[in-house]
Amino acid sequence: MFDKDFLQTQKEKLKQQKEEIQSQLENIAQKDDEIEGNYKTKFPDYGEKMEDNAEEYETYESNVAIEQNLEIELQKINEALEKIENKPEEYGICSNCNKQIKKERLEIRPQAKKCMSCKT
């Protein structure tokens, strides 16, 4: 188990990452009122010309993929924050082998769910 100072540092990192991801999501999507944690990608409007329509669709497709990846990352961050706040003894435990994830890995990626051995 990690000490309180380390957990507090991790919590701050996760909160900062959460804000950044939410900001990125707000640029390309809007919150889904029906499903918690879900976003709906906005369809861009560049104009009425044929080229504009093609660009709109291309941008939309790209943004859907980005939005899905950001949602997944946000979910991992929220899960890590939940553990730190409610079950600190479980934070940093590999979801695969149940061993402690190295501190160095968590310092780089505080939302990590797996140790490097299981990740690779």
PDB file of N, CA and C in Angstrom:
ATOM      1  N   MET A   1       0.841  -1.186   0.000  1.00  0.00           N
ATOM      2  CA  MET A   1       0.000   0.000   0.000  1.00  0.00           C
ATOM      3  C   MET A   1       0.881   1.242   0.000  1.00  0.00           C
ATOM      4  N   PHE A   2       0.388   2.290  -0.630  1.00  0.00           N
ATOM      5  CA  PHE A   2       1.153   3.514  -0.759  1.00  0.00           C
ATOM      6  C   PHE A   2       0.824   4.485   0.377  1.00  0.00           C
ATOM      7  N   ASP A   3       1.778   5.389   0.657  1.00  0.00           N
ATOM      8  CA  ASP A   3       1.539   6.365   1.722  1.00  0.00           C
ATOM      9  C   ASP A   3       0.583   7.465   1.258  1.00  0.00           C
ATOM     10  N   LYS A   4       0.085   8.233   2.219  1.00  0.00           N
ATOM     11  CA  LYS A   4      -0.930   9.252   1.941  1.00  0.00           C
ATOM     12  C   LYS A   4      -0.426  10.331   0.989  1.00  0.00           C
ATOM     13  N   ASP A   5       0.836  10.712   1.107  1.00  0.00           N
ATOM     14  CA  ASP A   5       1.385  11.754   0.231  1.00  0.00           C
ATOM     15  C   ASP A   5       1.385  11.300  -1.223  1.00  0.00           C
ATOM     16  N   PHE A   6       1.794  10.055  -1.447  1.00  0.00           N
ATOM     17  CA  PHE A   6       1.806   9.528  -2.813  1.00  0.00           C
ATOM     18  C   PHE A   6       0.384   9.468  -3.362  1.00  0.00           C
ATOM     19  N   LEU A   7      -0.549   8.983  -2.570  1.00  0.00           N
ATOM     20  CA  LEU A   7      -1.948   8.888  -3.008  1.00  0.00           C
ATOM     21  C   LEU A   7      -2.521  10.271  -3.316  1.00  0.00           C
ATOM     22  N   GLN A   8      -2.174  11.263  -2.501  1.00  0.00           N
ATOM     23  CA  GLN A   8      -2.660  12.626  -2.742  1.00  0.00           C
ATOM     24  C   GLN A   8      -2.088  13.180  -4.045  1.00  0.00           C
ATOM     25  N   THR A   9      -0.815  12.922  -4.296  1.00  0.00           N
ATOM     26  CA  THR A   9      -0.179  13.360  -5.543  1.00  0.00           C
ATOM     27  C   THR A   9      -0.856  12.699  -6.737  1.00  0.00           C
ATOM     28  N   GLN A  10      -1.119  11.423  -6.623  1.00  0.00           N
ATOM     29  CA  GLN A  10      -1.783  10.696  -7.704  1.00  0.00           C
ATOM     30  C   GLN A  10      -3.191  11.239  -7.936  1.00  0.00           C
ATOM     31  N   LYS A  11      -3.874  11.524  -6.864  1.00  0.00           N
ATOM     32  CA  LYS A  11      -5.229  12.058  -6.955  1.00  0.00           C
ATOM     33  C   LYS A  11      -5.222  13.386  -7.711  1.00  0.00           C
ATOM     34  N   GLU A  12      -4.262  14.235  -7.408  1.00  0.00           N
ATOM     35  CA  GLU A  12      -4.164  15.532  -8.094  1.00  0.00           C
ATOM     36  C   GLU A  12      -3.848  15.351  -9.584  1.00  0.00           C
ATOM     37  N   LYS A  13      -2.944  14.421  -9.891  1.00  0.00           N
ATOM     38  CA  LYS A  13      -2.634  14.139 -11.298  1.00  0.00           C
ATOM     39  C   LYS A  13      -3.868  13.658 -12.045  1.00  0.00           C
ATOM     40  N   LEU A  14      -4.595  12.760 -11.419  1.00  0.00           N
ATOM     41  CA  LEU A  14      -5.800  12.209 -12.046  1.00  0.00           C
ATOM     42  C   LEU A  14      -6.865  13.278 -12.255  1.00  0.00           C
ATOM     43  N   LYS A  15      -7.029  14.154 -11.284  1.00  0.00           N
ATOM     44  CA  LYS A  15      -8.010  15.235 -11.425  1.00  0.00           C
ATOM     45  C   LYS A  15      -7.630  16.170 -12.572  1.00  0.00           C
ATOM     46  N   GLN A  16      -6.345  16.453 -12.696  1.00  0.00           N
ATOM     47  CA  GLN A  16      -5.871  17.311 -13.783  1.00  0.00           C
ATOM     48  C   GLN A  16      -6.117  16.638 -15.131  1.00  0.00           C
ATOM     49  N   GLN A  17      -5.783  15.358 -15.230  1.00  0.00           N
ATOM     50  CA  GLN A  17      -6.015  14.613 -16.472  1.00  0.00           C
ATOM     51  C   GLN A  17      -7.512  14.575 -16.802  1.00  0.00           C
ATOM     52  N   LYS A  18      -8.326  14.402 -15.783  1.00  0.00           N
ATOM     53  CA  LYS A  18      -9.778  14.354 -15.977  1.00  0.00           C
ATOM     54  C   LYS A  18     -10.280  15.665 -16.566  1.00  0.00           C
ATOM     55  N   GLU A  19      -9.820  16.776 -16.031  1.00  0.00           N
ATOM     56  CA  GLU A  19     -10.218  18.087 -16.546  1.00  0.00           C
ATOM     57  C   GLU A  19      -9.797  18.266 -18.000  1.00  0.00           C
ATOM     58  N   GLU A  20      -8.574  17.841 -18.309  1.00  0.00           N
ATOM     59  CA  GLU A  20      -8.072  17.966 -19.677  1.00  0.00           C
ATOM     60  C   GLU A  20      -8.902  17.131 -20.653  1.00  0.00           C
ATOM     61  N   ILE A  21      -9.217  15.911 -20.266  1.00  0.00           N
ATOM     62  CA  ILE A  21     -10.003  15.034 -21.137  1.00  0.00           C
ATOM     63  C   ILE A  21     -11.422  15.569 -21.301  1.00  0.00           C
ATOM     64  N   GLN A  22     -12.014  16.030 -20.221  1.00  0.00           N
ATOM     65  CA  GLN A  22     -13.359  16.590 -20.322  1.00  0.00           C
ATOM     66  C   GLN A  22     -13.368  17.812 -21.243  1.00  0.00           C
ATOM     67  N   SER A  23     -12.332  18.617 -21.173  1.00  0.00           N
ATOM     68  CA  SER A  23     -12.223  19.780 -22.047  1.00  0.00           C
ATOM     69  C   SER A  23     -12.105  19.351 -23.509  1.00  0.00           C
ATOM     70  N   GLN A  24     -11.302  18.341 -23.772  1.00  0.00           N
ATOM     71  CA  GLN A  24     -11.158  17.821 -25.133  1.00  0.00           C
ATOM     72  C   GLN A  24     -12.491  17.262 -25.637  1.00  0.00           C
ATOM     73  N   LEU A  25     -13.185  16.552 -24.767  1.00  0.00           N
ATOM     74  CA  LEU A  25     -14.483  15.986 -25.150  1.00  0.00           C
ATOM     75  C   LEU A  25     -15.496  17.085 -25.471  1.00  0.00           C
ATOM     76  N   GLU A  26     -15.497  18.142 -24.690  1.00  0.00           N
ATOM     77  CA  GLU A  26     -16.448  19.225 -24.914  1.00  0.00           C
ATOM     78  C   GLU A  26     -16.234  19.905 -26.270  1.00  0.00           C
ATOM     79  N   ASN A  27     -15.009  19.842 -26.798  1.00  0.00           N
ATOM     80  CA  ASN A  27     -14.722  20.440 -28.102  1.00  0.00           C
ATOM     81  C   ASN A  27     -15.335  19.650 -29.254  1.00  0.00           C
ATOM     82  N   ILE A  28     -15.494  18.345 -29.065  1.00  0.00           N
ATOM     83  CA  ILE A  28     -15.960  17.509 -30.181  1.00  0.00           C
ATOM     84  C   ILE A  28     -17.268  16.788 -29.905  1.00  0.00           C
ATOM     85  N   ALA A  29     -17.755  16.868 -28.653  1.00  0.00           N
ATOM     86  CA  ALA A  29     -18.945  16.095 -28.296  1.00  0.00           C
ATOM     87  C   ALA A  29     -19.740  16.826 -27.221  1.00  0.00           C
ATOM     88  N   GLN A  30     -20.910  16.293 -26.958  1.00  0.00           N
ATOM     89  CA  GLN A  30     -21.725  16.800 -25.851  1.00  0.00           C
ATOM     90  C   GLN A  30     -22.123  15.624 -24.979  1.00  0.00           C
ATOM     91  N   LYS A  31     -22.328  15.904 -23.692  1.00  0.00           N
ATOM     92  CA  LYS A  31     -22.711  14.847 -22.759  1.00  0.00           C
ATOM     93  C   LYS A  31     -24.045  14.246 -23.173  1.00  0.00           C
ATOM     94  N   ASP A  32     -24.110  12.942 -23.024  1.00  0.00           N
ATOM     95  CA  ASP A  32     -25.348  12.206 -23.279  1.00  0.00           C
ATOM     96  C   ASP A  32     -26.166  12.234 -21.995  1.00  0.00           C
ATOM     97  N   ASP A  33     -27.346  12.829 -22.046  1.00  0.00           N
ATOM     98  CA  ASP A  33     -28.193  12.935 -20.856  1.00  0.00           C
ATOM     99  C   ASP A  33     -28.773  11.596 -20.422  1.00  0.00           C
ATOM    100  N   GLU A  34     -28.797  10.632 -21.322  1.00  0.00           N
ATOM    101  CA  GLU A  34     -29.425   9.348 -21.028  1.00  0.00           C
ATOM    102  C   GLU A  34     -28.468   8.317 -20.441  1.00  0.00           C
ATOM    103  N   ILE A  35     -27.195   8.384 -20.837  1.00  0.00           N
ATOM    104  CA  ILE A  35     -26.224   7.395 -20.371  1.00  0.00           C
ATOM    105  C   ILE A  35     -25.077   8.114 -19.665  1.00  0.00           C
ATOM    106  N   GLU A  36     -24.904   7.824 -18.390  1.00  0.00           N
ATOM    107  CA  GLU A  36     -23.866   8.468 -17.603  1.00  0.00           C
ATOM    108  C   GLU A  36     -22.476   8.119 -18.148  1.00  0.00           C
ATOM    109  N   GLY A  37     -21.631   9.129 -18.269  1.00  0.00           N
ATOM    110  CA  GLY A  37     -20.270   8.925 -18.747  1.00  0.00           C
ATOM    111  C   GLY A  37     -20.156   8.813 -20.253  1.00  0.00           C
ATOM    112  N   ASN A  38     -21.282   8.919 -20.944  1.00  0.00           N
ATOM    113  CA  ASN A  38     -21.270   8.801 -22.400  1.00  0.00           C
ATOM    114  C   ASN A  38     -21.370  10.182 -23.029  1.00  0.00           C
ATOM    115  N   TYR A  39     -20.736  10.319 -24.172  1.00  0.00           N
ATOM    116  CA  TYR A  39     -20.793  11.554 -24.942  1.00  0.00           C
ATOM    117  C   TYR A  39     -21.280  11.230 -26.350  1.00  0.00           C
ATOM    118  N   LYS A  40     -21.852  12.233 -26.998  1.00  0.00           N
ATOM    119  CA  LYS A  40     -22.292  12.104 -28.380  1.00  0.00           C
ATOM    120  C   LYS A  40     -21.459  13.060 -29.223  1.00  0.00           C
ATOM    121  N   THR A  41     -20.823  12.526 -30.230  1.00  0.00           N
ATOM    122  CA  THR A  41     -19.980  13.344 -31.087  1.00  0.00           C
ATOM    123  C   THR A  41     -20.824  14.349 -31.862  1.00  0.00           C
ATOM    124  N   LYS A  42     -20.353  15.592 -31.871  1.00  0.00           N
ATOM    125  CA  LYS A  42     -21.044  16.643 -32.625  1.00  0.00           C
ATOM    126  C   LYS A  42     -20.729  16.482 -34.106  1.00  0.00           C
ATOM    127  N   PHE A  43     -21.714  16.724 -34.936  1.00  0.00           N
ATOM    128  CA  PHE A  43     -21.494  16.692 -36.383  1.00  0.00           C
ATOM    129  C   PHE A  43     -21.144  18.109 -36.822  1.00  0.00           C
ATOM    130  N   PRO A  44     -19.974  18.310 -37.404  1.00  0.00           N
ATOM    131  CA  PRO A  44     -19.555  19.668 -37.791  1.00  0.00           C
ATOM    132  C   PRO A  44     -20.372  20.208 -38.964  1.00  0.00           C
ATOM    133  N   ASP A  45     -20.425  21.518 -39.070  1.00  0.00           N
ATOM    134  CA  ASP A  45     -21.139  22.169 -40.172  1.00  0.00           C
ATOM    135  C   ASP A  45     -20.191  23.182 -40.812  1.00  0.00           C
ATOM    136  N   TYR A  46     -19.634  22.805 -41.958  1.00  0.00           N
ATOM    137  CA  TYR A  46     -18.681  23.665 -42.653  1.00  0.00           C
ATOM    138  C   TYR A  46     -19.316  24.420 -43.821  1.00  0.00           C
ATOM    139  N   GLY A  47     -20.500  24.064 -44.197  1.00  0.00           N
ATOM    140  CA  GLY A  47     -21.154  24.744 -45.310  1.00  0.00           C
ATOM    141  C   GLY A  47     -21.998  23.786 -46.125  1.00  0.00           C
ATOM    142  N   GLU A  48     -22.464  24.257 -47.277  1.00  0.00           N
ATOM    143  CA  GLU A  48     -23.382  23.492 -48.116  1.00  0.00           C
ATOM    144  C   GLU A  48     -22.734  22.881 -49.358  1.00  0.00           C
ATOM    145  N   LYS A  49     -21.505  23.235 -49.643  1.00  0.00           N
ATOM    146  CA  LYS A  49     -20.844  22.721 -50.841  1.00  0.00           C
ATOM    147  C   LYS A  49     -20.521  21.233 -50.672  1.00  0.00           C
ATOM    148  N   MET A  50     -20.382  20.560 -51.795  1.00  0.00           N
ATOM    149  CA  MET A  50     -20.067  19.131 -51.791  1.00  0.00           C
ATOM    150  C   MET A  50     -18.765  18.856 -51.029  1.00  0.00           C
ATOM    151  N   GLU A  51     -17.764  19.708 -51.236  1.00  0.00           N
ATOM    152  CA  GLU A  51     -16.476  19.525 -50.535  1.00  0.00           C
ATOM    153  C   GLU A  51     -16.645  19.690 -49.023  1.00  0.00           C
ATOM    154  N   ASP A  52     -17.520  20.650 -48.659  1.00  0.00           N
ATOM    155  CA  ASP A  52     -17.783  20.864 -47.237  1.00  0.00           C
ATOM    156  C   ASP A  52     -18.423  19.634 -46.613  1.00  0.00           C
ATOM    157  N   ASN A  53     -19.368  19.043 -47.317  1.00  0.00           N
ATOM    158  CA  ASN A  53     -20.043  17.852 -46.806  1.00  0.00           C
ATOM    159  C   ASN A  53     -19.073  16.695 -46.635  1.00  0.00           C
ATOM    160  N   ALA A  54     -18.178  16.530 -47.575  1.00  0.00           N
ATOM    161  CA  ALA A  54     -17.179  15.456 -47.481  1.00  0.00           C
ATOM    162  C   ALA A  54     -16.251  15.697 -46.300  1.00  0.00           C
ATOM    163  N   GLU A  55     -15.849  16.944 -46.117  1.00  0.00           N
ATOM    164  CA  GLU A  55     -14.959  17.279 -45.000  1.00  0.00           C
ATOM    165  C   GLU A  55     -15.670  17.106 -43.662  1.00  0.00           C
ATOM    166  N   GLU A  56     -16.956  17.473 -43.623  1.00  0.00           N
ATOM    167  CA  GLU A  56     -17.741  17.291 -42.404  1.00  0.00           C
ATOM    168  C   GLU A  56     -17.769  15.821 -41.998  1.00  0.00           C
ATOM    169  N   TYR A  57     -18.051  14.965 -42.957  1.00  0.00           N
ATOM    170  CA  TYR A  57     -18.142  13.542 -42.667  1.00  0.00           C
ATOM    171  C   TYR A  57     -16.794  12.980 -42.223  1.00  0.00           C
ATOM    172  N   GLU A  58     -15.735  13.392 -42.898  1.00  0.00           N
ATOM    173  CA  GLU A  58     -14.390  12.923 -42.545  1.00  0.00           C
ATOM    174  C   GLU A  58     -14.014  13.362 -41.123  1.00  0.00           C
ATOM    175  N   THR A  59     -14.310  14.610 -40.803  1.00  0.00           N
ATOM    176  CA  THR A  59     -14.029  15.132 -39.466  1.00  0.00           C
ATOM    177  C   THR A  59     -14.856  14.389 -38.424  1.00  0.00           C
ATOM    178  N   TYR A  60     -16.131  14.173 -38.734  1.00  0.00           N
ATOM    179  CA  TYR A  60     -17.022  13.466 -37.812  1.00  0.00           C
ATOM    180  C   TYR A  60     -16.498  12.064 -37.516  1.00  0.00           C
ATOM    181  N   GLU A  61     -16.133  11.329 -38.562  1.00  0.00           N
ATOM    182  CA  GLU A  61     -15.600   9.971 -38.375  1.00  0.00           C
ATOM    183  C   GLU A  61     -14.373   9.978 -37.471  1.00  0.00           C
ATOM    184  N   SER A  62     -13.491  10.910 -37.722  1.00  0.00           N
ATOM    185  CA  SER A  62     -12.280  11.029 -36.909  1.00  0.00           C
ATOM    186  C   SER A  62     -12.630  11.363 -35.460  1.00  0.00           C
ATOM    187  N   ASN A  63     -13.554  12.287 -35.278  1.00  0.00           N
ATOM    188  CA  ASN A  63     -13.948  12.699 -33.929  1.00  0.00           C
ATOM    189  C   ASN A  63     -14.649  11.587 -33.157  1.00  0.00           C
ATOM    190  N   VAL A  64     -15.389  10.727 -33.846  1.00  0.00           N
ATOM    191  CA  VAL A  64     -16.041   9.591 -33.173  1.00  0.00           C
ATOM    192  C   VAL A  64     -14.978   8.690 -32.544  1.00  0.00           C
ATOM    193  N   ALA A  65     -13.940   8.394 -33.291  1.00  0.00           N
ATOM    194  CA  ALA A  65     -12.861   7.542 -32.770  1.00  0.00           C
ATOM    195  C   ALA A  65     -12.156   8.214 -31.592  1.00  0.00           C
ATOM    196  N   ILE A  66     -11.875   9.500 -31.733  1.00  0.00           N
ATOM    197  CA  ILE A  66     -11.226  10.248 -30.650  1.00  0.00           C
ATOM    198  C   ILE A  66     -12.113  10.258 -29.416  1.00  0.00           C
ATOM    199  N   GLU A  67     -13.397  10.536 -29.621  1.00  0.00           N
ATOM    200  CA  GLU A  67     -14.341  10.586 -28.505  1.00  0.00           C
ATOM    201  C   GLU A  67     -14.388   9.253 -27.757  1.00  0.00           C
ATOM    202  N   GLN A  68     -14.432   8.155 -28.488  1.00  0.00           N
ATOM    203  CA  GLN A  68     -14.486   6.838 -27.849  1.00  0.00           C
ATOM    204  C   GLN A  68     -13.232   6.575 -27.018  1.00  0.00           C
ATOM    205  N   ASN A  69     -12.075   6.932 -27.550  1.00  0.00           N
ATOM    206  CA  ASN A  69     -10.821   6.733 -26.803  1.00  0.00           C
ATOM    207  C   ASN A  69     -10.773   7.619 -25.560  1.00  0.00           C
ATOM    208  N   LEU A  70     -11.229   8.858 -25.688  1.00  0.00           N
ATOM    209  CA  LEU A  70     -11.250   9.757 -24.536  1.00  0.00           C
ATOM    210  C   LEU A  70     -12.218   9.266 -23.471  1.00  0.00           C
ATOM    211  N   GLU A  71     -13.356   8.736 -23.874  1.00  0.00           N
ATOM    212  CA  GLU A  71     -14.325   8.184 -22.914  1.00  0.00           C
ATOM    213  C   GLU A  71     -13.714   7.025 -22.124  1.00  0.00           C
ATOM    214  N   ILE A  72     -13.008   6.158 -22.825  1.00  0.00           N
ATOM    215  CA  ILE A  72     -12.365   5.016 -22.170  1.00  0.00           C
ATOM    216  C   ILE A  72     -11.332   5.496 -21.158  1.00  0.00           C
ATOM    217  N   GLU A  73     -10.537   6.478 -21.569  1.00  0.00           N
ATOM    218  CA  GLU A  73      -9.503   7.024 -20.681  1.00  0.00           C
ATOM    219  C   GLU A  73     -10.144   7.702 -19.474  1.00  0.00           C
ATOM    220  N   LEU A  74     -11.227   8.422 -19.700  1.00  0.00           N
ATOM    221  CA  LEU A  74     -11.939   9.084 -18.611  1.00  0.00           C
ATOM    222  C   LEU A  74     -12.501   8.057 -17.628  1.00  0.00           C
ATOM    223  N   GLN A  75     -12.997   6.961 -18.149  1.00  0.00           N
ATOM    224  CA  GLN A  75     -13.513   5.899 -17.275  1.00  0.00           C
ATOM    225  C   GLN A  75     -12.391   5.325 -16.404  1.00  0.00           C
ATOM    226  N   LYS A  76     -11.225   5.104 -16.986  1.00  0.00           N
ATOM    227  CA  LYS A  76     -10.085   4.586 -16.216  1.00  0.00           C
ATOM    228  C   LYS A  76      -9.665   5.569 -15.129  1.00  0.00           C
ATOM    229  N   ILE A  77      -9.671   6.843 -15.467  1.00  0.00           N
ATOM    230  CA  ILE A  77      -9.315   7.881 -14.491  1.00  0.00           C
ATOM    231  C   ILE A  77     -10.334   7.900 -13.360  1.00  0.00           C
ATOM    232  N   ASN A  78     -11.605   7.851 -13.691  1.00  0.00           N
ATOM    233  CA  ASN A  78     -12.646   7.849 -12.664  1.00  0.00           C
ATOM    234  C   ASN A  78     -12.546   6.624 -11.757  1.00  0.00           C
ATOM    235  N   GLU A  79     -12.215   5.484 -12.328  1.00  0.00           N
ATOM    236  CA  GLU A  79     -12.047   4.263 -11.528  1.00  0.00           C
ATOM    237  C   GLU A  79     -10.855   4.396 -10.575  1.00  0.00           C
ATOM    238  N   ALA A  80      -9.761   4.974 -11.061  1.00  0.00           N
ATOM    239  CA  ALA A  80      -8.584   5.162 -10.206  1.00  0.00           C
ATOM    240  C   ALA A  80      -8.897   6.148  -9.083  1.00  0.00           C
ATOM    241  N   LEU A  81      -9.587   7.236  -9.394  1.00  0.00           N
ATOM    242  CA  LEU A  81      -9.979   8.201  -8.361  1.00  0.00           C
ATOM    243  C   LEU A  81     -10.887   7.553  -7.318  1.00  0.00           C
ATOM    244  N   GLU A  82     -11.808   6.743  -7.782  1.00  0.00           N
ATOM    245  CA  GLU A  82     -12.719   6.035  -6.878  1.00  0.00           C
ATOM    246  C   GLU A  82     -11.938   5.145  -5.908  1.00  0.00           C
ATOM    247  N   LYS A  83     -10.946   4.439  -6.421  1.00  0.00           N
ATOM    248  CA  LYS A  83     -10.141   3.572  -5.557  1.00  0.00           C
ATOM    249  C   LYS A  83      -9.360   4.393  -4.537  1.00  0.00           C
ATOM    250  N   ILE A  84      -8.729   5.464  -4.998  1.00  0.00           N
ATOM    251  CA  ILE A  84      -7.944   6.289  -4.071  1.00  0.00           C
ATOM    252  C   ILE A  84      -8.840   6.839  -2.967  1.00  0.00           C
ATOM    253  N   GLU A  85     -10.028   7.278  -3.316  1.00  0.00           N
ATOM    254  CA  GLU A  85     -10.914   7.903  -2.343  1.00  0.00           C
ATOM    255  C   GLU A  85     -11.617   6.900  -1.428  1.00  0.00           C
ATOM    256  N   ASN A  86     -12.006   5.740  -1.975  1.00  0.00           N
ATOM    257  CA  ASN A  86     -12.827   4.821  -1.194  1.00  0.00           C
ATOM    258  C   ASN A  86     -12.157   3.503  -0.798  1.00  0.00           C
ATOM    259  N   LYS A  87     -11.178   3.082  -1.574  1.00  0.00           N
ATOM    260  CA  LYS A  87     -10.476   1.828  -1.274  1.00  0.00           C
ATOM    261  C   LYS A  87      -8.989   1.998  -1.577  1.00  0.00           C
ATOM    262  N   PRO A  88      -8.306   2.873  -0.836  1.00  0.00           N
ATOM    263  CA  PRO A  88      -6.904   3.164  -1.152  1.00  0.00           C
ATOM    264  C   PRO A  88      -5.989   1.932  -1.124  1.00  0.00           C
ATOM    265  N   GLU A  89      -6.385   0.929  -0.390  1.00  0.00           N
ATOM    266  CA  GLU A  89      -5.581  -0.295  -0.333  1.00  0.00           C
ATOM    267  C   GLU A  89      -5.628  -1.065  -1.656  1.00  0.00           C
ATOM    268  N   GLU A  90      -6.611  -0.770  -2.503  1.00  0.00           N
ATOM    269  CA  GLU A  90      -6.737  -1.446  -3.797  1.00  0.00           C
ATOM    270  C   GLU A  90      -6.103  -0.662  -4.942  1.00  0.00           C
ATOM    271  N   TYR A  91      -5.772   0.610  -4.695  1.00  0.00           N
ATOM    272  CA  TYR A  91      -5.153   1.409  -5.749  1.00  0.00           C
ATOM    273  C   TYR A  91      -3.753   0.870  -6.043  1.00  0.00           C
ATOM    274  N   GLY A  92      -3.461   0.716  -7.321  1.00  0.00           N
ATOM    275  CA  GLY A  92      -2.136   0.252  -7.730  1.00  0.00           C
ATOM    276  C   GLY A  92      -1.966  -1.250  -7.702  1.00  0.00           C
ATOM    277  N   ILE A  93      -3.061  -1.975  -7.557  1.00  0.00           N
ATOM    278  CA  ILE A  93      -3.015  -3.433  -7.598  1.00  0.00           C
ATOM    279  C   ILE A  93      -3.375  -3.868  -9.013  1.00  0.00           C
ATOM    280  N   CYS A  94      -2.555  -4.698  -9.612  1.00  0.00           N
ATOM    281  CA  CYS A  94      -2.763  -5.164 -10.980  1.00  0.00           C
ATOM    282  C   CYS A  94      -4.079  -5.942 -11.070  1.00  0.00           C
ATOM    283  N   SER A  95      -4.879  -5.574 -12.054  1.00  0.00           N
ATOM    284  CA  SER A  95      -6.177  -6.236 -12.228  1.00  0.00           C
ATOM    285  C   SER A  95      -6.036  -7.647 -12.784  1.00  0.00           C
ATOM    286  N   ASN A  96      -4.836  -8.001 -13.213  1.00  0.00           N
ATOM    287  CA  ASN A  96      -4.614  -9.327 -13.790  1.00  0.00           C
ATOM    288  C   ASN A  96      -3.963 -10.291 -12.786  1.00  0.00           C
ATOM    289  N   CYS A  97      -2.842  -9.867 -12.201  1.00  0.00           N
ATOM    290  CA  CYS A  97      -2.098 -10.784 -11.321  1.00  0.00           C
ATOM    291  C   CYS A  97      -2.234 -10.457  -9.829  1.00  0.00           C
ATOM    292  N   ASN A  98      -2.903  -9.341  -9.517  1.00  0.00           N
ATOM    293  CA  ASN A  98      -3.118  -8.891  -8.134  1.00  0.00           C
ATOM    294  C   ASN A  98      -1.845  -8.515  -7.388  1.00  0.00           C
ATOM    295  N   LYS A  99      -0.774  -8.247  -8.122  1.00  0.00           N
ATOM    296  CA  LYS A  99       0.455  -7.770  -7.491  1.00  0.00           C
ATOM    297  C   LYS A  99       0.479  -6.245  -7.539  1.00  0.00           C
ATOM    298  N   GLN A 100       1.316  -5.677  -6.686  1.00  0.00           N
ATOM    299  CA  GLN A 100       1.460  -4.223  -6.637  1.00  0.00           C
ATOM    300  C   GLN A 100       2.103  -3.717  -7.931  1.00  0.00           C
ATOM    301  N   ILE A 101       1.493  -2.713  -8.545  1.00  0.00           N
ATOM    302  CA  ILE A 101       2.082  -2.063  -9.717  1.00  0.00           C
ATOM    303  C   ILE A 101       3.202  -1.165  -9.200  1.00  0.00           C
ATOM    304  N   LYS A 102       4.317  -1.161  -9.909  1.00  0.00           N
ATOM    305  CA  LYS A 102       5.452  -0.360  -9.465  1.00  0.00           C
ATOM    306  C   LYS A 102       5.088   1.119  -9.416  1.00  0.00           C
ATOM    307  N   LYS A 103       5.611   1.758  -8.395  1.00  0.00           N
ATOM    308  CA  LYS A 103       5.363   3.174  -8.160  1.00  0.00           C
ATOM    309  C   LYS A 103       5.758   4.012  -9.377  1.00  0.00           C
ATOM    310  N   GLU A 104       6.866   3.663 -10.011  1.00  0.00           N
ATOM    311  CA  GLU A 104       7.348   4.413 -11.174  1.00  0.00           C
ATOM    312  C   GLU A 104       6.330   4.386 -12.317  1.00  0.00           C
ATOM    313  N   ARG A 105       5.689   3.259 -12.497  1.00  0.00           N
ATOM    314  CA  ARG A 105       4.657   3.153 -13.550  1.00  0.00           C
ATOM    315  C   ARG A 105       3.460   4.040 -13.207  1.00  0.00           C
ATOM    316  N   LEU A 106       3.042   4.011 -11.962  1.00  0.00           N
ATOM    317  CA  LEU A 106       1.899   4.812 -11.543  1.00  0.00           C
ATOM    318  C   LEU A 106       2.207   6.307 -11.573  1.00  0.00           C
ATOM    319  N   GLU A 107       3.451   6.673 -11.344  1.00  0.00           N
ATOM    320  CA  GLU A 107       3.819   8.083 -11.432  1.00  0.00           C
ATOM    321  C   GLU A 107       3.655   8.594 -12.859  1.00  0.00           C
ATOM    322  N   ILE A 108       3.924   7.741 -13.839  1.00  0.00           N
ATOM    323  CA  ILE A 108       3.801   8.110 -15.246  1.00  0.00           C
ATOM    324  C   ILE A 108       2.349   7.979 -15.711  1.00  0.00           C
ATOM    325  N   ARG A 109       1.705   6.909 -15.281  1.00  0.00           N
ATOM    326  CA  ARG A 109       0.320   6.632 -15.709  1.00  0.00           C
ATOM    327  C   ARG A 109      -0.509   6.259 -14.476  1.00  0.00           C
ATOM    328  N   PRO A 110      -1.000   7.277 -13.758  1.00  0.00           N
ATOM    329  CA  PRO A 110      -1.691   7.009 -12.488  1.00  0.00           C
ATOM    330  C   PRO A 110      -2.965   6.189 -12.613  1.00  0.00           C
ATOM    331  N   GLN A 111      -3.526   6.090 -13.816  1.00  0.00           N
ATOM    332  CA  GLN A 111      -4.740   5.299 -14.007  1.00  0.00           C
ATOM    333  C   GLN A 111      -4.444   3.872 -14.455  1.00  0.00           C
ATOM    334  N   ALA A 112      -3.175   3.482 -14.439  1.00  0.00           N
ATOM    335  CA  ALA A 112      -2.788   2.137 -14.881  1.00  0.00           C
ATOM    336  C   ALA A 112      -3.521   1.075 -14.066  1.00  0.00           C
ATOM    337  N   LYS A 113      -4.018   0.061 -14.792  1.00  0.00           N
ATOM    338  CA  LYS A 113      -4.730  -1.044 -14.154  1.00  0.00           C
ATOM    339  C   LYS A 113      -3.884  -2.306 -14.071  1.00  0.00           C
ATOM    340  N   LYS A 114      -2.833  -2.351 -14.909  1.00  0.00           N
ATOM    341  CA  LYS A 114      -2.010  -3.548 -14.980  1.00  0.00           C
ATOM    342  C   LYS A 114      -0.535  -3.202 -14.786  1.00  0.00           C
ATOM    343  N   CYS A 115       0.184  -4.142 -14.180  1.00  0.00           N
ATOM    344  CA  CYS A 115       1.628  -4.003 -14.058  1.00  0.00           C
ATOM    345  C   CYS A 115       2.239  -4.194 -15.449  1.00  0.00           C
ATOM    346  N   MET A 116       3.492  -3.841 -15.590  1.00  0.00           N
ATOM    347  CA  MET A 116       4.146  -3.928 -16.903  1.00  0.00           C
ATOM    348  C   MET A 116       4.218  -5.373 -17.398  1.00  0.00           C
ATOM    349  N   SER A 117       4.412  -6.318 -16.513  1.00  0.00           N
ATOM    350  CA  SER A 117       4.489  -7.724 -16.931  1.00  0.00           C
ATOM    351  C   SER A 117       3.181  -8.171 -17.559  1.00  0.00           C
ATOM    352  N   CYS A 118       2.081  -7.812 -16.950  1.00  0.00           N
ATOM    353  CA  CYS A 118       0.769  -8.212 -17.485  1.00  0.00           C
ATOM    354  C   CYS A 118       0.367  -7.364 -18.686  1.00  0.00           C
ATOM    355  N   LYS A 119       0.804  -6.122 -18.712  1.00  0.00           N
ATOM    356  CA  LYS A 119       0.463  -5.233 -19.823  1.00  0.00           C
ATOM    357  C   LYS A 119       1.091  -5.724 -21.113  1.00  0.00           C
ATOM    358  N   THR A 120       2.322  -6.233 -21.023  1.00  0.00           N
ATOM    359  CA  THR A 120       3.010  -6.717 -22.221  1.00  0.00           C
ATOM    360  C   THR A 120       2.678  -8.172 -22.426  1.00  0.00           C
TER     361      THR A 120
END
